[in-house]
Protein backbone atom coordinates (compact mmCIF):
# COMPACT_ATOMS: atom_id res chain seq x y z
CA UNK A 1 -14.25 33.48 -13.96
CA UNK A 2 -15.57 31.46 -11.40
CA UNK A 3 -13.96 28.38 -9.96
CA UNK A 4 -15.27 24.91 -10.94
CA UNK A 5 -17.78 23.75 -9.02
CA UNK A 6 -16.59 19.82 -10.16
CA UNK A 7 -12.86 20.57 -9.59
CA UNK A 8 -11.14 18.22 -7.42
CA UNK A 9 -9.19 18.84 -4.70
CA UNK A 10 -5.65 17.44 -3.61
CA UNK A 11 -5.45 16.18 -0.68
CA UNK A 12 -1.58 16.09 0.62
CA UNK A 13 -0.93 13.62 3.41
CA UNK A 14 2.06 13.13 4.76
CA UNK A 15 4.22 9.72 5.26
CA UNK A 16 4.33 9.12 9.04
CA UNK A 17 8.26 9.32 9.28
CA UNK A 18 8.27 9.72 13.07
CA UNK A 19 6.19 6.66 13.25
CA UNK A 20 7.92 4.78 11.04
CA UNK A 21 11.50 5.45 12.44
CA UNK A 22 10.43 4.69 15.38
CA UNK A 23 8.92 1.42 14.94
CA UNK A 24 11.96 0.10 12.96
CA UNK A 25 14.22 0.71 16.05
CA UNK A 26 12.22 -1.10 17.92
CA UNK A 27 12.10 -4.19 15.61
CA UNK A 28 15.74 -4.02 13.82
CA UNK A 29 17.86 -1.65 16.03
CA UNK A 30 21.22 -3.01 14.67
CA UNK A 31 20.11 -1.50 11.17
CA UNK A 32 21.84 1.27 10.18
CA UNK A 33 19.06 2.96 7.69
CA UNK A 34 19.93 5.75 5.65
CA UNK A 35 18.14 9.49 6.64
CA UNK A 36 15.37 8.62 3.51
CA UNK A 37 14.35 5.00 4.04
CA UNK A 38 11.47 5.50 6.07
CA UNK A 39 9.99 7.34 2.71
CA UNK A 40 10.94 3.96 0.58
CA UNK A 41 9.47 1.79 3.24
CA UNK A 42 5.80 3.79 3.58
CA UNK A 43 6.23 3.84 -0.73
CA UNK A 44 6.96 0.36 -0.96
CA UNK A 45 4.05 -0.51 1.44
CA UNK A 46 1.75 1.81 -0.69
CA UNK A 47 2.63 0.12 -3.90
CA UNK A 48 1.69 -3.57 -2.28
CA UNK A 49 -1.76 -2.33 -0.87
CA UNK A 50 -2.28 -0.78 -4.43
CA UNK A 51 -1.22 -4.03 -5.90
CA UNK A 52 -2.93 -6.35 -3.48
CA UNK A 53 -6.46 -4.11 -3.98
CA UNK A 54 -6.04 -4.38 -7.90
CA UNK A 55 -5.24 -8.47 -7.61
CA UNK A 56 -8.31 -9.37 -5.19
CA UNK A 57 -10.56 -7.21 -7.59
CA UNK A 58 -9.80 -9.29 -10.17
CA UNK A 59 -10.07 -12.47 -8.37
CA UNK A 60 -13.91 -11.20 -7.39
CA UNK A 61 -14.42 -10.41 -10.87
CA UNK A 62 -13.70 -13.93 -12.22
CA UNK A 63 -15.77 -15.75 -9.24
CA UNK A 64 -18.76 -13.22 -10.25
CA UNK A 65 -19.04 -11.36 -7.06
CA UNK A 66 -19.18 -7.98 -7.13
CA UNK A 67 -17.76 -7.39 -3.31
CA UNK A 68 -14.07 -8.27 -2.29
CA UNK A 69 -13.85 -10.61 0.33
CA UNK A 70 -11.64 -12.00 2.66
CA UNK A 71 -10.87 -15.24 0.30
CA UNK A 72 -9.88 -12.99 -2.68
CA UNK A 73 -7.76 -10.88 -0.54
CA UNK A 74 -5.96 -14.19 0.38
CA UNK A 75 -5.82 -15.69 -2.66
CA UNK A 76 -4.55 -12.31 -4.30
CA UNK A 77 -1.69 -12.24 -0.89
CA UNK A 78 -0.29 -15.60 -1.87
CA UNK A 79 -0.01 -14.61 -5.59
CA UNK A 80 1.60 -11.07 -5.22
CA UNK A 81 4.03 -12.40 -2.31
CA UNK A 82 5.39 -14.84 -4.65
CA UNK A 83 5.99 -11.94 -7.50
CA UNK A 84 7.87 -9.79 -5.11
CA UNK A 85 10.06 -12.62 -3.85
CA UNK A 86 11.71 -12.32 -7.34
């Protein structure tokens, strides 16, 4: 059987572990961090960006705009940051 021409390719991307570890040590040298905390921080950032994109898309649709503008993102960021505080 021939491979499908519409098959999707999976792109494996690694988290920037060295950068995150170096950045955390520069900003917060007094923290004793575990060995896989950088992966959790990276995952948290990705989830935040995903929520931000979804909320800003909703704001753009509510204002009948096809393009996500700066105002939509700022309004979405306020909502998401309030939700994440608890």
